[in-house]
N, C-alpha and C. Protein backbone atom coordinates (compact mmCIF):
# COMPACT_ATOMS: atom_id res chain seq x y z
N GLN A 1 16.33 42.99 78.57
CA GLN A 1 15.82 43.21 77.22
C GLN A 1 14.34 42.92 77.11
N VAL A 2 13.98 41.73 77.53
CA VAL A 2 12.58 41.30 77.50
C VAL A 2 12.26 40.64 78.83
N ARG A 3 11.24 41.15 79.47
CA ARG A 3 10.82 40.58 80.75
C ARG A 3 9.32 40.32 80.69
N LEU A 4 8.92 39.14 81.11
CA LEU A 4 7.51 38.76 81.12
C LEU A 4 7.11 38.42 82.55
N VAL A 5 6.01 38.99 82.98
CA VAL A 5 5.53 38.74 84.34
C VAL A 5 4.06 38.35 84.28
N GLU A 6 3.78 37.15 84.79
CA GLU A 6 2.40 36.66 84.81
C GLU A 6 1.72 37.02 86.12
N SER A 7 0.41 37.10 86.06
CA SER A 7 -0.40 37.32 87.25
C SER A 7 -1.78 36.73 87.00
N GLY A 8 -2.53 36.57 88.08
CA GLY A 8 -3.90 36.11 87.96
C GLY A 8 -4.14 34.66 88.32
N GLY A 9 -3.07 33.93 88.61
CA GLY A 9 -3.26 32.54 88.99
C GLY A 9 -3.90 32.44 90.37
N GLY A 10 -4.26 31.22 90.74
CA GLY A 10 -4.86 31.00 92.05
C GLY A 10 -5.58 29.68 92.10
N SER A 11 -6.40 29.54 93.12
CA SER A 11 -7.17 28.32 93.32
C SER A 11 -8.63 28.59 93.01
N VAL A 12 -9.24 27.63 92.34
CA VAL A 12 -10.64 27.78 91.95
C VAL A 12 -11.29 26.42 91.91
N GLN A 13 -12.57 26.38 92.11
CA GLN A 13 -13.30 25.12 92.02
C GLN A 13 -13.57 24.78 90.57
N ALA A 14 -13.72 23.51 90.31
CA ALA A 14 -14.04 23.05 88.97
C ALA A 14 -15.30 23.75 88.47
N GLY A 15 -15.23 24.18 87.21
CA GLY A 15 -16.34 24.92 86.63
C GLY A 15 -16.17 26.42 86.73
N GLY A 16 -15.21 26.85 87.52
CA GLY A 16 -14.97 28.28 87.72
C GLY A 16 -14.11 28.87 86.62
N SER A 17 -13.77 30.15 86.80
CA SER A 17 -13.01 30.89 85.79
C SER A 17 -11.85 31.64 86.43
N LEU A 18 -10.84 31.84 85.64
CA LEU A 18 -9.71 32.68 86.01
C LEU A 18 -9.24 33.39 84.76
N LYS A 19 -8.64 34.57 84.96
CA LYS A 19 -8.05 35.28 83.84
C LYS A 19 -6.60 35.56 84.17
N LEU A 20 -5.71 35.00 83.37
CA LEU A 20 -4.29 35.25 83.53
C LEU A 20 -3.87 36.45 82.70
N SER A 21 -2.93 37.19 83.24
CA SER A 21 -2.38 38.34 82.53
C SER A 21 -0.87 38.20 82.46
N CYS A 22 -0.32 38.73 81.41
CA CYS A 22 1.14 38.73 81.24
C CYS A 22 1.55 40.10 80.71
N GLU A 23 2.42 40.73 81.44
CA GLU A 23 2.91 42.03 81.01
C GLU A 23 4.34 41.91 80.52
N GLY A 24 4.57 42.40 79.32
CA GLY A 24 5.90 42.42 78.77
C GLY A 24 6.56 43.76 79.02
N SER A 25 7.84 43.74 79.34
CA SER A 25 8.56 44.98 79.57
C SER A 25 10.01 44.80 79.14
N GLY A 26 10.77 45.86 79.33
CA GLY A 26 12.16 45.83 78.89
C GLY A 26 12.35 46.75 77.71
N TYR A 27 13.55 47.26 77.59
CA TYR A 27 13.80 48.25 76.56
C TYR A 27 13.47 47.73 75.17
N SER A 28 13.94 46.56 74.84
CA SER A 28 13.71 46.02 73.49
C SER A 28 12.26 45.74 73.24
N PHE A 29 11.61 45.17 74.23
CA PHE A 29 10.22 44.76 74.06
C PHE A 29 9.31 45.95 73.81
N THR A 30 9.58 47.02 74.50
CA THR A 30 8.72 48.19 74.35
C THR A 30 9.15 49.09 73.20
N THR A 31 10.43 49.05 72.85
CA THR A 31 10.93 49.92 71.79
C THR A 31 10.68 49.35 70.40
N TYR A 32 10.68 48.03 70.30
CA TYR A 32 10.54 47.38 68.99
C TYR A 32 9.31 46.46 68.97
N PRO A 33 8.12 47.01 68.97
CA PRO A 33 6.93 46.17 68.98
C PRO A 33 6.79 45.30 67.74
N SER A 34 7.42 45.71 66.64
CA SER A 34 7.33 44.89 65.42
C SER A 34 8.05 43.56 65.56
N ARG A 35 8.89 43.43 66.57
CA ARG A 35 9.61 42.17 66.79
C ARG A 35 8.82 41.20 67.66
N ARG A 36 7.67 41.63 68.13
CA ARG A 36 6.81 40.73 68.92
C ARG A 36 6.05 39.83 67.96
N CYS A 37 6.69 38.78 67.54
CA CYS A 37 6.10 37.92 66.52
C CYS A 37 4.86 37.20 67.07
N ALA A 38 4.94 36.79 68.29
CA ALA A 38 3.81 36.08 68.91
C ALA A 38 3.98 36.04 70.41
N MET A 39 2.87 35.85 71.07
CA MET A 39 2.86 35.61 72.52
C MET A 39 2.12 34.30 72.75
N GLY A 40 2.50 33.63 73.80
CA GLY A 40 1.86 32.34 74.04
C GLY A 40 1.71 32.03 75.51
N TRP A 41 0.85 31.08 75.78
CA TRP A 41 0.68 30.54 77.12
C TRP A 41 0.98 29.04 77.07
N TYR A 42 1.87 28.62 77.93
CA TYR A 42 2.19 27.22 78.11
C TYR A 42 1.80 26.82 79.53
N ARG A 43 1.73 25.52 79.75
CA ARG A 43 1.49 25.04 81.11
C ARG A 43 2.26 23.75 81.34
N GLN A 44 2.57 23.53 82.60
CA GLN A 44 3.26 22.31 82.98
C GLN A 44 2.66 21.78 84.27
N ALA A 45 2.10 20.60 84.16
CA ALA A 45 1.54 19.93 85.33
C ALA A 45 2.61 19.04 85.95
N PRO A 46 2.48 18.70 87.22
CA PRO A 46 3.47 17.84 87.88
C PRO A 46 3.68 16.53 87.13
N GLY A 47 4.92 16.23 86.85
CA GLY A 47 5.25 14.98 86.19
C GLY A 47 4.99 14.96 84.70
N LYS A 48 4.61 16.10 84.15
CA LYS A 48 4.32 16.16 82.72
C LYS A 48 5.21 17.19 82.04
N GLU A 49 5.29 17.08 80.73
CA GLU A 49 6.06 18.03 79.96
C GLU A 49 5.27 19.33 79.77
N ARG A 50 6.02 20.39 79.54
CA ARG A 50 5.38 21.67 79.26
C ARG A 50 4.66 21.58 77.92
N GLU A 51 3.45 22.11 77.87
CA GLU A 51 2.67 22.04 76.64
C GLU A 51 2.10 23.42 76.29
N LEU A 52 1.94 23.63 75.00
CA LEU A 52 1.35 24.88 74.53
C LEU A 52 -0.15 24.86 74.80
N VAL A 53 -0.64 25.91 75.40
CA VAL A 53 -2.07 26.06 75.65
C VAL A 53 -2.69 26.90 74.54
N SER A 54 -2.11 28.05 74.30
CA SER A 54 -2.65 28.93 73.28
C SER A 54 -1.61 29.97 72.90
N SER A 55 -1.65 30.40 71.65
CA SER A 55 -0.74 31.43 71.19
C SER A 55 -1.49 32.43 70.32
N ILE A 56 -0.92 33.61 70.22
CA ILE A 56 -1.50 34.65 69.38
C ILE A 56 -0.39 35.37 68.66
N ARG A 57 -0.48 35.42 67.34
CA ARG A 57 0.55 36.07 66.53
C ARG A 57 0.36 37.58 66.51
N TRP A 58 1.33 38.24 65.96
CA TRP A 58 1.29 39.70 65.89
C TRP A 58 0.06 40.19 65.13
N ASP A 59 -0.43 39.36 64.17
CA ASP A 59 -1.57 39.77 63.37
C ASP A 59 -2.90 39.29 63.96
N GLY A 60 -2.84 38.72 65.15
CA GLY A 60 -4.06 38.31 65.83
C GLY A 60 -4.48 36.87 65.59
N VAL A 61 -3.76 36.16 64.76
CA VAL A 61 -4.10 34.76 64.50
C VAL A 61 -3.76 33.93 65.74
N THR A 62 -4.71 33.13 66.16
CA THR A 62 -4.54 32.34 67.37
C THR A 62 -4.45 30.85 67.07
N ASN A 63 -3.85 30.16 68.01
CA ASN A 63 -3.76 28.70 67.95
C ASN A 63 -4.01 28.19 69.36
N THR A 64 -4.96 27.29 69.51
CA THR A 64 -5.35 26.82 70.84
C THR A 64 -5.33 25.31 70.89
N ALA A 65 -4.84 24.77 71.97
CA ALA A 65 -4.80 23.32 72.16
C ALA A 65 -6.21 22.75 72.17
N HIS A 66 -6.34 21.57 71.61
CA HIS A 66 -7.66 20.94 71.53
C HIS A 66 -8.29 20.75 72.91
N SER A 67 -7.46 20.49 73.90
CA SER A 67 -7.96 20.19 75.24
C SER A 67 -8.65 21.39 75.91
N VAL A 68 -8.37 22.59 75.43
CA VAL A 68 -8.96 23.77 76.04
C VAL A 68 -9.81 24.58 75.07
N THR A 69 -9.93 24.12 73.86
CA THR A 69 -10.74 24.83 72.86
C THR A 69 -12.18 24.95 73.34
N GLY A 70 -12.70 26.16 73.21
CA GLY A 70 -14.07 26.40 73.66
C GLY A 70 -14.14 26.84 75.10
N ARG A 71 -13.04 26.70 75.84
CA ARG A 71 -13.02 27.10 77.25
C ARG A 71 -12.02 28.22 77.51
N PHE A 72 -10.89 28.21 76.82
CA PHE A 72 -9.85 29.21 77.02
C PHE A 72 -9.79 30.13 75.80
N THR A 73 -9.53 31.40 76.07
CA THR A 73 -9.41 32.38 75.00
C THR A 73 -8.19 33.27 75.25
N VAL A 74 -7.34 33.36 74.26
CA VAL A 74 -6.16 34.23 74.36
C VAL A 74 -6.46 35.54 73.66
N SER A 75 -5.94 36.62 74.23
CA SER A 75 -6.10 37.94 73.62
C SER A 75 -4.89 38.79 73.96
N GLN A 76 -4.76 39.90 73.28
CA GLN A 76 -3.62 40.77 73.54
C GLN A 76 -4.01 42.23 73.41
N ASP A 77 -3.28 43.04 74.11
CA ASP A 77 -3.41 44.49 74.00
C ASP A 77 -2.01 45.02 73.72
N ASN A 78 -1.71 45.22 72.48
CA ASN A 78 -0.34 45.60 72.10
C ASN A 78 0.05 46.95 72.67
N ALA A 79 -0.91 47.84 72.78
CA ALA A 79 -0.60 49.16 73.31
C ALA A 79 -0.12 49.09 74.75
N LYS A 80 -0.61 48.10 75.47
CA LYS A 80 -0.23 47.93 76.88
C LYS A 80 0.81 46.84 77.07
N SER A 81 1.24 46.23 75.98
CA SER A 81 2.21 45.12 76.05
C SER A 81 1.69 44.00 76.95
N MET A 82 0.42 43.71 76.79
CA MET A 82 -0.22 42.69 77.63
C MET A 82 -0.78 41.56 76.78
N VAL A 83 -0.78 40.39 77.34
CA VAL A 83 -1.47 39.25 76.75
C VAL A 83 -2.26 38.58 77.87
N TYR A 84 -3.42 38.07 77.51
CA TYR A 84 -4.32 37.51 78.51
C TYR A 84 -4.73 36.09 78.13
N LEU A 85 -5.13 35.35 79.13
CA LEU A 85 -5.71 34.03 78.91
C LEU A 85 -6.95 33.93 79.79
N GLN A 86 -8.10 34.00 79.16
CA GLN A 86 -9.36 33.82 79.88
C GLN A 86 -9.67 32.34 79.93
N MET A 87 -9.82 31.82 81.13
CA MET A 87 -10.05 30.39 81.31
C MET A 87 -11.40 30.19 81.96
N ASN A 88 -12.29 29.55 81.25
CA ASN A 88 -13.64 29.28 81.75
C ASN A 88 -13.85 27.78 81.89
N ASN A 89 -14.84 27.43 82.68
CA ASN A 89 -15.19 26.02 82.88
C ASN A 89 -13.93 25.18 83.18
N LEU A 90 -13.19 25.64 84.15
CA LEU A 90 -11.93 24.98 84.49
C LEU A 90 -12.17 23.57 85.00
N LYS A 91 -11.24 22.70 84.64
CA LYS A 91 -11.29 21.30 85.04
C LYS A 91 -10.08 20.98 85.92
N ILE A 92 -10.20 19.91 86.66
CA ILE A 92 -9.11 19.51 87.54
C ILE A 92 -7.82 19.31 86.74
N GLU A 93 -7.95 18.79 85.54
CA GLU A 93 -6.77 18.53 84.72
C GLU A 93 -6.13 19.80 84.17
N ASP A 94 -6.72 20.95 84.41
CA ASP A 94 -6.11 22.22 84.04
C ASP A 94 -5.11 22.69 85.09
N THR A 95 -5.05 22.00 86.21
CA THR A 95 -4.11 22.35 87.26
C THR A 95 -2.68 22.26 86.74
N ALA A 96 -1.96 23.35 86.86
CA ALA A 96 -0.59 23.40 86.34
C ALA A 96 0.01 24.76 86.65
N VAL A 97 1.29 24.87 86.39
CA VAL A 97 1.94 26.18 86.37
C VAL A 97 1.82 26.71 84.94
N TYR A 98 1.31 27.92 84.82
CA TYR A 98 1.11 28.52 83.51
C TYR A 98 2.19 29.56 83.24
N TYR A 99 2.80 29.44 82.08
CA TYR A 99 3.89 30.31 81.70
C TYR A 99 3.52 31.17 80.50
N CYS A 100 3.90 32.41 80.58
CA CYS A 100 3.79 33.31 79.45
C CYS A 100 5.09 33.23 78.65
N ALA A 101 4.97 33.28 77.33
CA ALA A 101 6.14 33.19 76.47
C ALA A 101 6.04 34.19 75.33
N ALA A 102 7.19 34.59 74.85
CA ALA A 102 7.24 35.54 73.73
C ALA A 102 8.16 35.03 72.63
N ASP A 103 7.69 35.16 71.42
CA ASP A 103 8.53 34.93 70.24
C ASP A 103 8.94 36.32 69.78
N PHE A 104 10.13 36.69 70.16
CA PHE A 104 10.59 38.06 69.95
C PHE A 104 11.89 38.01 69.17
N ARG A 105 11.91 38.51 67.93
CA ARG A 105 13.12 38.45 67.11
C ARG A 105 13.05 39.48 66.00
N TYR A 106 14.17 39.62 65.32
CA TYR A 106 14.29 40.66 64.30
C TYR A 106 13.29 40.47 63.16
N SER A 107 13.13 39.24 62.72
CA SER A 107 12.28 38.97 61.58
C SER A 107 11.34 37.83 61.93
N CYS A 108 10.06 38.10 61.88
CA CYS A 108 9.09 37.07 62.23
C CYS A 108 8.95 36.06 61.10
N GLU A 109 8.75 34.83 61.48
CA GLU A 109 8.58 33.75 60.52
C GLU A 109 7.25 33.04 60.78
N ARG A 110 6.83 32.26 59.82
CA ARG A 110 5.58 31.53 59.96
C ARG A 110 5.63 30.57 61.15
N SER A 111 6.76 29.93 61.32
CA SER A 111 6.92 28.99 62.42
C SER A 111 7.31 29.77 63.68
N LEU A 112 6.56 29.58 64.75
CA LEU A 112 6.83 30.31 65.98
C LEU A 112 7.95 29.66 66.76
N SER A 113 8.70 30.50 67.44
CA SER A 113 9.78 30.01 68.28
C SER A 113 9.84 30.90 69.51
N PHE A 114 9.35 30.39 70.61
CA PHE A 114 9.29 31.19 71.83
C PHE A 114 10.65 31.18 72.52
N ASN A 115 11.20 32.37 72.70
CA ASN A 115 12.56 32.47 73.23
C ASN A 115 12.66 33.27 74.53
N TYR A 116 11.53 33.76 75.01
CA TYR A 116 11.52 34.44 76.30
C TYR A 116 10.36 33.88 77.13
N TRP A 117 10.62 33.74 78.43
CA TRP A 117 9.65 33.09 79.30
C TRP A 117 9.49 33.86 80.60
N GLY A 118 8.25 33.79 81.12
CA GLY A 118 8.01 34.32 82.45
C GLY A 118 8.31 33.27 83.50
N GLN A 119 8.12 33.63 84.75
CA GLN A 119 8.42 32.73 85.85
C GLN A 119 7.29 31.75 86.13
N GLY A 120 6.12 32.04 85.64
CA GLY A 120 5.01 31.12 85.82
C GLY A 120 4.07 31.54 86.94
N THR A 121 2.83 31.11 86.82
CA THR A 121 1.83 31.35 87.86
C THR A 121 1.03 30.07 88.05
N GLN A 122 0.80 29.72 89.30
CA GLN A 122 0.13 28.46 89.61
C GLN A 122 -1.38 28.59 89.47
N VAL A 123 -1.96 27.62 88.81
CA VAL A 123 -3.42 27.50 88.73
C VAL A 123 -3.79 26.14 89.30
N THR A 124 -4.65 26.16 90.31
CA THR A 124 -5.07 24.92 90.96
C THR A 124 -6.59 24.83 90.90
N VAL A 125 -7.06 23.75 90.33
CA VAL A 125 -8.50 23.53 90.21
C VAL A 125 -8.87 22.33 91.06
N SER A 126 -9.86 22.50 91.91
CA SER A 126 -10.27 21.43 92.82
C SER A 126 -11.77 21.19 92.70
N LEU A 127 -12.18 20.07 93.28
CA LEU A 127 -13.61 19.74 93.24
C LEU A 127 -14.40 20.66 94.15
């Protein structure tokens, strides 16, 4: 029904940049774009809980974690069923597995609820 596939992860030195991409597919996802309430990027570092990095609603409203504000930018291309995360000035503490998520349901609500997840892509930042 809904499949999310991330790409663009890798290893980079501190201060560098990476751009993550997430492609949504599946019959429901492509047939009912109005149900794409929001897309988001989460990350999980070793020994830590998964945390929201940034999200973007169907109307383009974004929400970004304080720790990455000014460095990371989320965007989407609805026509291509894609969502992106541009990461600049990467820090060692940004090292984590990054997951793409979708809030996909019949009726969108103000409160987001991500119910579909990708497999994740590793981002490693070193000195």
